[in-house]
């Protein structure tokens, strides 16, 4: 579904992503793990057009999308969430989701029409129900709890109807119970909507539970890849991450 070849990003003398060959298969959940500074978020920025590669290619369904603008990449079927929540804080939950769904229908809807008359209202309402956010439909985003803000951001990524969705630490800052609920919600919606997921996650227990395949980054390079059982028993991974007590 998505493939990178020799993908590299340099910032002056610093190489944040170095010669990465990554393959994402259609369906399922592919997790990317590694300590802080391993290049995980930089990799996501490259895949979604927020950074241009210094070298290498990014292929999506066989098409080279290297260096395309984020707005163009979204139209190809790729969406993402961010490590730090990025919402329309002055708008309600319902308005946030209507804006996202309306972006798909922009050629047919006039900007001068009442937003409540758009077909996107029904789509936003359905998504709020799926995310268990319906009770907050008229609540401003900046008044939400941390966990509900994370859910809303995932909702914005889902609302544009992607085939591939990249989630950057969707459970960051949550307690164990909230993290489990979030993961269950994401998995359910992704399965129902046939969305392939690529997830950056620091909680190694969650990674092992949800992943079909795992890529381990270290200093911008792929240390190893494999199924959860292979990663868990890999001596290099144990030494570099789990065994040292660092977050994976």
C-alpha atoms as a PDB file:
ATOM      1  CA  UNK A   1       0.000   0.000   0.000  1.00  0.00           C
ATOM      2  CA  UNK A   2       2.774   2.388   0.973  1.00  0.00           C
ATOM      3  CA  UNK A   3       6.493   1.988   0.433  1.00  0.00           C
ATOM      4  CA  UNK A   4       9.554   4.137   1.041  1.00  0.00           C
ATOM      5  CA  UNK A   5      12.863   3.633  -0.736  1.00  0.00           C
ATOM      6  CA  UNK A   6      16.078   5.057   0.730  1.00  0.00           C
ATOM      7  CA  UNK A   7      14.000   7.736   2.467  1.00  0.00           C
ATOM      8  CA  UNK A   8      16.294  10.296   4.089  1.00  0.00           C
ATOM      9  CA  UNK A   9      15.771  13.633   5.834  1.00  0.00           C
ATOM     10  CA  UNK A  10      18.666  15.835   6.878  1.00  0.00           C
ATOM     11  CA  UNK A  11      18.570  19.046   8.900  1.00  0.00           C
ATOM     12  CA  UNK A  12      22.015  20.490   8.280  1.00  0.00           C
ATOM     13  CA  UNK A  13      24.495  18.059   9.822  1.00  0.00           C
ATOM     14  CA  UNK A  14      21.723  16.097  11.564  1.00  0.00           C
ATOM     15  CA  UNK A  15      20.225  13.095   9.767  1.00  0.00           C
ATOM     16  CA  UNK A  16      16.816  12.519  11.363  1.00  0.00           C
ATOM     17  CA  UNK A  17      15.713   9.742   8.983  1.00  0.00           C
ATOM     18  CA  UNK A  18      18.426   7.746   7.284  1.00  0.00           C
ATOM     19  CA  UNK A  19      17.933   5.474   4.255  1.00  0.00           C
ATOM     20  CA  UNK A  20      14.626   4.013   5.470  1.00  0.00           C
ATOM     21  CA  UNK A  21      12.957   1.273   3.415  1.00  0.00           C
ATOM     22  CA  UNK A  22       9.470   0.778   4.855  1.00  0.00           C
ATOM     23  CA  UNK A  23       6.582  -1.312   3.539  1.00  0.00           C
ATOM     24  CA  UNK A  24       3.020  -0.921   4.802  1.00  0.00           C
ATOM     25  CA  UNK A  25       0.666  -3.714   3.765  1.00  0.00           C
ATOM     26  CA  UNK A  26      -3.033  -3.058   3.233  1.00  0.00           C
ATOM     27  CA  UNK A  27      -5.317  -3.746   6.220  1.00  0.00           C
ATOM     28  CA  UNK A  28      -4.310  -4.228   9.824  1.00  0.00           C
ATOM     29  CA  UNK A  29      -2.158  -2.144  12.162  1.00  0.00           C
ATOM     30  CA  UNK A  30       1.538  -1.384  11.641  1.00  0.00           C
ATOM     31  CA  UNK A  31       3.243   0.212  14.657  1.00  0.00           C
ATOM     32  CA  UNK A  32       6.410   2.312  14.630  1.00  0.00           C
ATOM     33  CA  UNK A  33       8.351   2.356  17.912  1.00  0.00           C
ATOM     34  CA  UNK A  34      11.625   3.741  19.208  1.00  0.00           C
ATOM     35  CA  UNK A  35      12.960   6.128  21.865  1.00  0.00           C
ATOM     36  CA  UNK A  36      12.608   9.909  21.753  1.00  0.00           C
ATOM     37  CA  UNK A  37      14.709  11.238  18.879  1.00  0.00           C
ATOM     38  CA  UNK A  38      14.501   8.017  16.872  1.00  0.00           C
ATOM     39  CA  UNK A  39      12.891   9.838  13.928  1.00  0.00           C
ATOM     40  CA  UNK A  40       9.322   8.557  14.268  1.00  0.00           C
ATOM     41  CA  UNK A  41       7.465  11.878  13.962  1.00  0.00           C
ATOM     42  CA  UNK A  42       9.880  13.072  11.267  1.00  0.00           C
ATOM     43  CA  UNK A  43       9.014   9.930   9.310  1.00  0.00           C
ATOM     44  CA  UNK A  44       5.300  10.743   9.638  1.00  0.00           C
ATOM     45  CA  UNK A  45       5.952  14.339   8.518  1.00  0.00           C
ATOM     46  CA  UNK A  46       7.678  12.987   5.398  1.00  0.00           C
ATOM     47  CA  UNK A  47       4.906  10.506   4.602  1.00  0.00           C
ATOM     48  CA  UNK A  48       2.216  13.193   4.875  1.00  0.00           C
ATOM     49  CA  UNK A  49       3.972  16.052   3.092  1.00  0.00           C
ATOM     50  CA  UNK A  50       4.833  18.284   6.048  1.00  0.00           C
ATOM     51  CA  UNK A  51       8.509  17.796   5.227  1.00  0.00           C
ATOM     52  CA  UNK A  52      10.205  17.174   1.894  1.00  0.00           C
ATOM     53  CA  UNK A  53      12.699  14.294   1.701  1.00  0.00           C
ATOM     54  CA  UNK A  54      16.364  15.088   1.281  1.00  0.00           C
ATOM     55  CA  UNK A  55      16.633  11.854  -0.665  1.00  0.00           C
ATOM     56  CA  UNK A  56      14.549   8.815  -1.534  1.00  0.00           C
ATOM     57  CA  UNK A  57      10.999   8.057  -2.650  1.00  0.00           C
ATOM     58  CA  UNK A  58       7.570   7.590  -1.091  1.00  0.00           C
ATOM     59  CA  UNK A  59       5.207   5.409  -3.118  1.00  0.00           C
ATOM     60  CA  UNK A  60       1.485   5.132  -2.379  1.00  0.00           C
ATOM     61  CA  UNK A  61      -0.366   2.505  -4.391  1.00  0.00           C
ATOM     62  CA  UNK A  62       2.586   2.652  -6.789  1.00  0.00           C
ATOM     63  CA  UNK A  63       2.424   6.458  -7.259  1.00  0.00           C
ATOM     64  CA  UNK A  64       5.359   8.641  -6.221  1.00  0.00           C
ATOM     65  CA  UNK A  65       3.987  11.147  -3.708  1.00  0.00           C
ATOM     66  CA  UNK A  66       7.376  12.422  -2.496  1.00  0.00           C
ATOM     67  CA  UNK A  67       7.224  16.135  -1.718  1.00  0.00           C
ATOM     68  CA  UNK A  68       3.510  16.606  -2.443  1.00  0.00           C
ATOM     69  CA  UNK A  69       1.675  19.131  -0.259  1.00  0.00           C
ATOM     70  CA  UNK A  70      -0.328  17.770   2.712  1.00  0.00           C
ATOM     71  CA  UNK A  71      -3.632  18.919   1.171  1.00  0.00           C
ATOM     72  CA  UNK A  72      -2.833  16.908  -1.964  1.00  0.00           C
ATOM     73  CA  UNK A  73      -1.790  13.819  -0.015  1.00  0.00           C
ATOM     74  CA  UNK A  74      -5.103  13.875   1.866  1.00  0.00           C
ATOM     75  CA  UNK A  75      -6.958  13.674  -1.447  1.00  0.00           C
ATOM     76  CA  UNK A  76      -4.934  10.549  -2.279  1.00  0.00           C
ATOM     77  CA  UNK A  77      -6.462   8.802   0.748  1.00  0.00           C
ATOM     78  CA  UNK A  78      -3.929   9.418   3.540  1.00  0.00           C
ATOM     79  CA  UNK A  79      -4.783  11.234   6.779  1.00  0.00           C
ATOM     80  CA  UNK A  80      -3.050  11.675  10.127  1.00  0.00           C
ATOM     81  CA  UNK A  81      -3.268  12.878  13.692  1.00  0.00           C
ATOM     82  CA  UNK A  82      -0.522  14.752  15.523  1.00  0.00           C
ATOM     83  CA  UNK A  83       1.518  14.173  18.662  1.00  0.00           C
ATOM     84  CA  UNK A  84       0.140  17.442  20.062  1.00  0.00           C
ATOM     85  CA  UNK A  85      -3.598  17.942  19.517  1.00  0.00           C
ATOM     86  CA  UNK A  86      -4.329  20.269  16.597  1.00  0.00           C
ATOM     87  CA  UNK A  87      -7.993  21.269  16.699  1.00  0.00           C
ATOM     88  CA  UNK A  88     -10.235  24.252  15.971  1.00  0.00           C
ATOM     89  CA  UNK A  89     -10.357  25.163  19.656  1.00  0.00           C
ATOM     90  CA  UNK A  90     -12.882  27.978  19.283  1.00  0.00           C
ATOM     91  CA  UNK A  91     -15.417  25.716  17.541  1.00  0.00           C
ATOM     92  CA  UNK A  92     -17.648  23.015  18.945  1.00  0.00           C
ATOM     93  CA  UNK A  93     -17.053  19.292  18.532  1.00  0.00           C
ATOM     94  CA  UNK A  94     -19.808  19.144  15.927  1.00  0.00           C
ATOM     95  CA  UNK A  95     -18.387  22.094  14.012  1.00  0.00           C
ATOM     96  CA  UNK A  96     -14.895  20.577  14.008  1.00  0.00           C
ATOM     97  CA  UNK A  97     -16.182  17.363  12.463  1.00  0.00           C
ATOM     98  CA  UNK A  98     -18.464  19.144   9.988  1.00  0.00           C
ATOM     99  CA  UNK A  99     -15.503  21.159   8.689  1.00  0.00           C
ATOM    100  CA  UNK A 100     -13.537  17.959   8.160  1.00  0.00           C
ATOM    101  CA  UNK A 101     -16.364  16.130   6.394  1.00  0.00           C
ATOM    102  CA  UNK A 102     -17.263  19.249   4.395  1.00  0.00           C
ATOM    103  CA  UNK A 103     -13.766  19.267   2.894  1.00  0.00           C
ATOM    104  CA  UNK A 104     -14.708  16.127   0.963  1.00  0.00           C
ATOM    105  CA  UNK A 105     -17.761  17.814  -0.496  1.00  0.00           C
ATOM    106  CA  UNK A 106     -16.289  21.223  -1.205  1.00  0.00           C
ATOM    107  CA  UNK A 107     -16.955  21.162  -4.931  1.00  0.00           C
ATOM    108  CA  UNK A 108     -20.674  20.611  -4.440  1.00  0.00           C
ATOM    109  CA  UNK A 109     -21.439  22.816  -1.459  1.00  0.00           C
ATOM    110  CA  UNK A 110     -21.546  26.583  -1.562  1.00  0.00           C
ATOM    111  CA  UNK A 111     -19.705  28.349   1.244  1.00  0.00           C
ATOM    112  CA  UNK A 112     -22.726  30.655   1.580  1.00  0.00           C
ATOM    113  CA  UNK A 113     -25.136  27.852   2.573  1.00  0.00           C
ATOM    114  CA  UNK A 114     -26.079  27.271   6.190  1.00  0.00           C
ATOM    115  CA  UNK A 115     -23.689  24.632   7.542  1.00  0.00           C
ATOM    116  CA  UNK A 116     -26.590  22.780   9.194  1.00  0.00           C
ATOM    117  CA  UNK A 117     -28.134  22.185   5.782  1.00  0.00           C
ATOM    118  CA  UNK A 118     -25.152  20.296   4.453  1.00  0.00           C
ATOM    119  CA  UNK A 119     -25.175  16.524   4.100  1.00  0.00           C
ATOM    120  CA  UNK A 120     -21.965  16.557   6.133  1.00  0.00           C
ATOM    121  CA  UNK A 121     -23.999  17.224   9.285  1.00  0.00           C
ATOM    122  CA  UNK A 122     -25.340  13.661   9.235  1.00  0.00           C
ATOM    123  CA  UNK A 123     -21.837  12.310   8.634  1.00  0.00           C
ATOM    124  CA  UNK A 124     -20.451  14.321  11.545  1.00  0.00           C
ATOM    125  CA  UNK A 125     -23.266  13.163  13.825  1.00  0.00           C
ATOM    126  CA  UNK A 126     -22.586   9.527  12.925  1.00  0.00           C
ATOM    127  CA  UNK A 127     -18.888   9.943  13.623  1.00  0.00           C
ATOM    128  CA  UNK A 128     -19.573  11.608  16.975  1.00  0.00           C
ATOM    129  CA  UNK A 129     -21.682   8.609  17.936  1.00  0.00           C
ATOM    130  CA  UNK A 130     -18.920   6.202  16.908  1.00  0.00           C
ATOM    131  CA  UNK A 131     -16.391   8.129  19.009  1.00  0.00           C
ATOM    132  CA  UNK A 132     -18.778   8.473  21.968  1.00  0.00           C
ATOM    133  CA  UNK A 133     -18.664  12.262  21.667  1.00  0.00           C
ATOM    134  CA  UNK A 134     -22.340  12.967  20.932  1.00  0.00           C
ATOM    135  CA  UNK A 135     -22.959  14.503  24.360  1.00  0.00           C
ATOM    136  CA  UNK A 136     -20.270  17.088  23.574  1.00  0.00           C
ATOM    137  CA  UNK A 137     -21.665  18.115  20.176  1.00  0.00           C
ATOM    138  CA  UNK A 138     -22.172  21.732  21.311  1.00  0.00           C
ATOM    139  CA  UNK A 139     -19.077  21.864  23.531  1.00  0.00           C
ATOM    140  CA  UNK A 140     -16.092  23.897  22.379  1.00  0.00           C
ATOM    141  CA  UNK A 141     -13.004  21.843  21.669  1.00  0.00           C
ATOM    142  CA  UNK A 142     -10.937  23.823  24.172  1.00  0.00           C
ATOM    143  CA  UNK A 143     -13.319  22.767  26.963  1.00  0.00           C
ATOM    144  CA  UNK A 144     -12.870  19.028  26.390  1.00  0.00           C
ATOM    145  CA  UNK A 145     -10.879  16.727  28.628  1.00  0.00           C
ATOM    146  CA  UNK A 146      -7.512  15.580  27.324  1.00  0.00           C
ATOM    147  CA  UNK A 147      -8.857  12.155  26.386  1.00  0.00           C
ATOM    148  CA  UNK A 148     -11.837  13.572  24.503  1.00  0.00           C
ATOM    149  CA  UNK A 149      -9.565  15.999  22.635  1.00  0.00           C
ATOM    150  CA  UNK A 150      -7.506  13.019  21.465  1.00  0.00           C
ATOM    151  CA  UNK A 151     -10.677  11.268  20.315  1.00  0.00           C
ATOM    152  CA  UNK A 152     -11.819  14.353  18.441  1.00  0.00           C
ATOM    153  CA  UNK A 153      -8.494  14.638  16.647  1.00  0.00           C
ATOM    154  CA  UNK A 154      -8.727  11.007  15.579  1.00  0.00           C
ATOM    155  CA  UNK A 155     -12.251  11.848  14.422  1.00  0.00           C
ATOM    156  CA  UNK A 156     -10.923  14.626  12.177  1.00  0.00           C
ATOM    157  CA  UNK A 157      -8.510  12.146  10.600  1.00  0.00           C
ATOM    158  CA  UNK A 158     -11.309   9.619  10.047  1.00  0.00           C
ATOM    159  CA  UNK A 159     -13.753  12.231   8.741  1.00  0.00           C
ATOM    160  CA  UNK A 160     -11.850  12.700   5.477  1.00  0.00           C
ATOM    161  CA  UNK A 161     -12.503   9.013   4.686  1.00  0.00           C
ATOM    162  CA  UNK A 162      -8.894   7.820   4.342  1.00  0.00           C
ATOM    163  CA  UNK A 163      -7.694   4.430   3.201  1.00  0.00           C
ATOM    164  CA  UNK A 164      -4.504   4.884   5.253  1.00  0.00           C
ATOM    165  CA  UNK A 165      -4.420   6.711   8.579  1.00  0.00           C
ATOM    166  CA  UNK A 166      -1.271   7.648  10.519  1.00  0.00           C
ATOM    167  CA  UNK A 167      -1.735   8.220  14.242  1.00  0.00           C
ATOM    168  CA  UNK A 168       1.076   9.893  16.192  1.00  0.00           C
ATOM    169  CA  UNK A 169       0.796   8.774  19.834  1.00  0.00           C
ATOM    170  CA  UNK A 170      -3.030   8.695  19.993  1.00  0.00           C
ATOM    171  CA  UNK A 171      -2.958   7.700  23.687  1.00  0.00           C
ATOM    172  CA  UNK A 172      -0.325  10.245  24.800  1.00  0.00           C
ATOM    173  CA  UNK A 173      -1.060  11.651  28.245  1.00  0.00           C
ATOM    174  CA  UNK A 174      -3.828   9.158  28.983  1.00  0.00           C
ATOM    175  CA  UNK A 175      -4.063   6.769  31.900  1.00  0.00           C
ATOM    176  CA  UNK A 176      -4.107   3.024  31.328  1.00  0.00           C
ATOM    177  CA  UNK A 177      -7.889   2.697  31.262  1.00  0.00           C
ATOM    178  CA  UNK A 178      -8.317   5.632  28.882  1.00  0.00           C
ATOM    179  CA  UNK A 179      -5.576   4.310  26.613  1.00  0.00           C
ATOM    180  CA  UNK A 180      -7.230   0.902  26.372  1.00  0.00           C
ATOM    181  CA  UNK A 181     -10.598   2.470  25.526  1.00  0.00           C
ATOM    182  CA  UNK A 182      -9.014   4.690  22.901  1.00  0.00           C
ATOM    183  CA  UNK A 183      -7.236   1.770  21.242  1.00  0.00           C
ATOM    184  CA  UNK A 184     -10.422  -0.306  21.237  1.00  0.00           C
ATOM    185  CA  UNK A 185     -12.348   2.560  19.650  1.00  0.00           C
ATOM    186  CA  UNK A 186      -9.720   3.166  16.964  1.00  0.00           C
ATOM    187  CA  UNK A 187      -9.484  -0.534  16.084  1.00  0.00           C
ATOM    188  CA  UNK A 188     -13.261  -0.890  15.856  1.00  0.00           C
ATOM    189  CA  UNK A 189     -13.768   2.139  13.629  1.00  0.00           C
ATOM    190  CA  UNK A 190     -10.792   1.259  11.413  1.00  0.00           C
ATOM    191  CA  UNK A 191     -12.124  -2.267  10.903  1.00  0.00           C
ATOM    192  CA  UNK A 192     -15.648  -1.038  10.158  1.00  0.00           C
ATOM    193  CA  UNK A 193     -14.401   1.549   7.680  1.00  0.00           C
ATOM    194  CA  UNK A 194     -11.635  -0.626   6.170  1.00  0.00           C
ATOM    195  CA  UNK A 195      -8.837   1.785   7.140  1.00  0.00           C
ATOM    196  CA  UNK A 196      -5.218   0.653   7.348  1.00  0.00           C
ATOM    197  CA  UNK A 197      -3.452   2.097  10.404  1.00  0.00           C
ATOM    198  CA  UNK A 198       0.143   3.130  11.053  1.00  0.00           C
ATOM    199  CA  UNK A 199       0.621   4.037  14.716  1.00  0.00           C
ATOM    200  CA  UNK A 200       3.415   5.627  16.733  1.00  0.00           C
ATOM    201  CA  UNK A 201       2.949   4.463  20.306  1.00  0.00           C
ATOM    202  CA  UNK A 202       5.161   4.542  23.413  1.00  0.00           C
ATOM    203  CA  UNK A 203       3.248   2.026  25.530  1.00  0.00           C
ATOM    204  CA  UNK A 204       4.935  -1.262  24.633  1.00  0.00           C
ATOM    205  CA  UNK A 205       2.082  -3.323  26.105  1.00  0.00           C
ATOM    206  CA  UNK A 206      -0.430  -1.612  23.825  1.00  0.00           C
ATOM    207  CA  UNK A 207       1.917  -2.000  20.850  1.00  0.00           C
ATOM    208  CA  UNK A 208       2.191  -5.740  21.410  1.00  0.00           C
ATOM    209  CA  UNK A 209      -1.585  -6.096  21.773  1.00  0.00           C
ATOM    210  CA  UNK A 210      -2.724  -4.121  18.727  1.00  0.00           C
ATOM    211  CA  UNK A 211      -0.005  -4.585  16.109  1.00  0.00           C
ATOM    212  CA  UNK A 212       0.079  -6.923  13.160  1.00  0.00           C
ATOM    213  CA  UNK A 213       3.594  -5.741  12.350  1.00  0.00           C
ATOM    214  CA  UNK A 214       6.131  -3.521  14.108  1.00  0.00           C
ATOM    215  CA  UNK A 215       9.004  -1.396  12.817  1.00  0.00           C
ATOM    216  CA  UNK A 216      11.654  -0.372  15.352  1.00  0.00           C
ATOM    217  CA  UNK A 217      13.529   2.860  14.629  1.00  0.00           C
ATOM    218  CA  UNK A 218      16.832   3.791  16.234  1.00  0.00           C
ATOM    219  CA  UNK A 219      18.689   7.021  15.423  1.00  0.00           C
ATOM    220  CA  UNK A 220      16.691   7.469  12.236  1.00  0.00           C
ATOM    221  CA  UNK A 221      17.338   3.969  10.915  1.00  0.00           C
ATOM    222  CA  UNK A 222      15.314   0.769  10.973  1.00  0.00           C
ATOM    223  CA  UNK A 223      16.737  -1.459  13.680  1.00  0.00           C
ATOM    224  CA  UNK A 224      14.418  -4.372  12.928  1.00  0.00           C
ATOM    225  CA  UNK A 225      10.914  -5.274  11.754  1.00  0.00           C
ATOM    226  CA  UNK A 226       8.604  -8.166  12.439  1.00  0.00           C
ATOM    227  CA  UNK A 227       5.507  -9.500  14.130  1.00  0.00           C
ATOM    228  CA  UNK A 228       4.994  -8.670  17.831  1.00  0.00           C
ATOM    229  CA  UNK A 229       6.363 -12.002  19.081  1.00  0.00           C
ATOM    230  CA  UNK A 230       9.510 -11.551  16.986  1.00  0.00           C
ATOM    231  CA  UNK A 231      10.059  -7.999  18.243  1.00  0.00           C
ATOM    232  CA  UNK A 232       9.444  -8.970  21.863  1.00  0.00           C
ATOM    233  CA  UNK A 233      12.085 -11.705  21.706  1.00  0.00           C
ATOM    234  CA  UNK A 234      14.623  -9.722  19.661  1.00  0.00           C
ATOM    235  CA  UNK A 235      17.806  -9.250  21.706  1.00  0.00           C
ATOM    236  CA  UNK A 236      18.719  -5.984  19.987  1.00  0.00           C
ATOM    237  CA  UNK A 237      15.304  -4.527  20.830  1.00  0.00           C
ATOM    238  CA  UNK A 238      15.507  -5.745  24.411  1.00  0.00           C
ATOM    239  CA  UNK A 239      18.948  -4.231  24.837  1.00  0.00           C
ATOM    240  CA  UNK A 240      18.169  -0.936  23.111  1.00  0.00           C
ATOM    241  CA  UNK A 241      14.693  -0.282  24.556  1.00  0.00           C
ATOM    242  CA  UNK A 242      12.926  -2.699  26.845  1.00  0.00           C
ATOM    243  CA  UNK A 243      15.966  -3.789  28.817  1.00  0.00           C
ATOM    244  CA  UNK A 244      17.150  -0.239  29.471  1.00  0.00           C
ATOM    245  CA  UNK A 245      13.857   0.931  30.888  1.00  0.00           C
ATOM    246  CA  UNK A 246      13.451   3.488  28.120  1.00  0.00           C
ATOM    247  CA  UNK A 247      10.064   4.009  26.540  1.00  0.00           C
ATOM    248  CA  UNK A 248       9.563   1.924  23.432  1.00  0.00           C
END
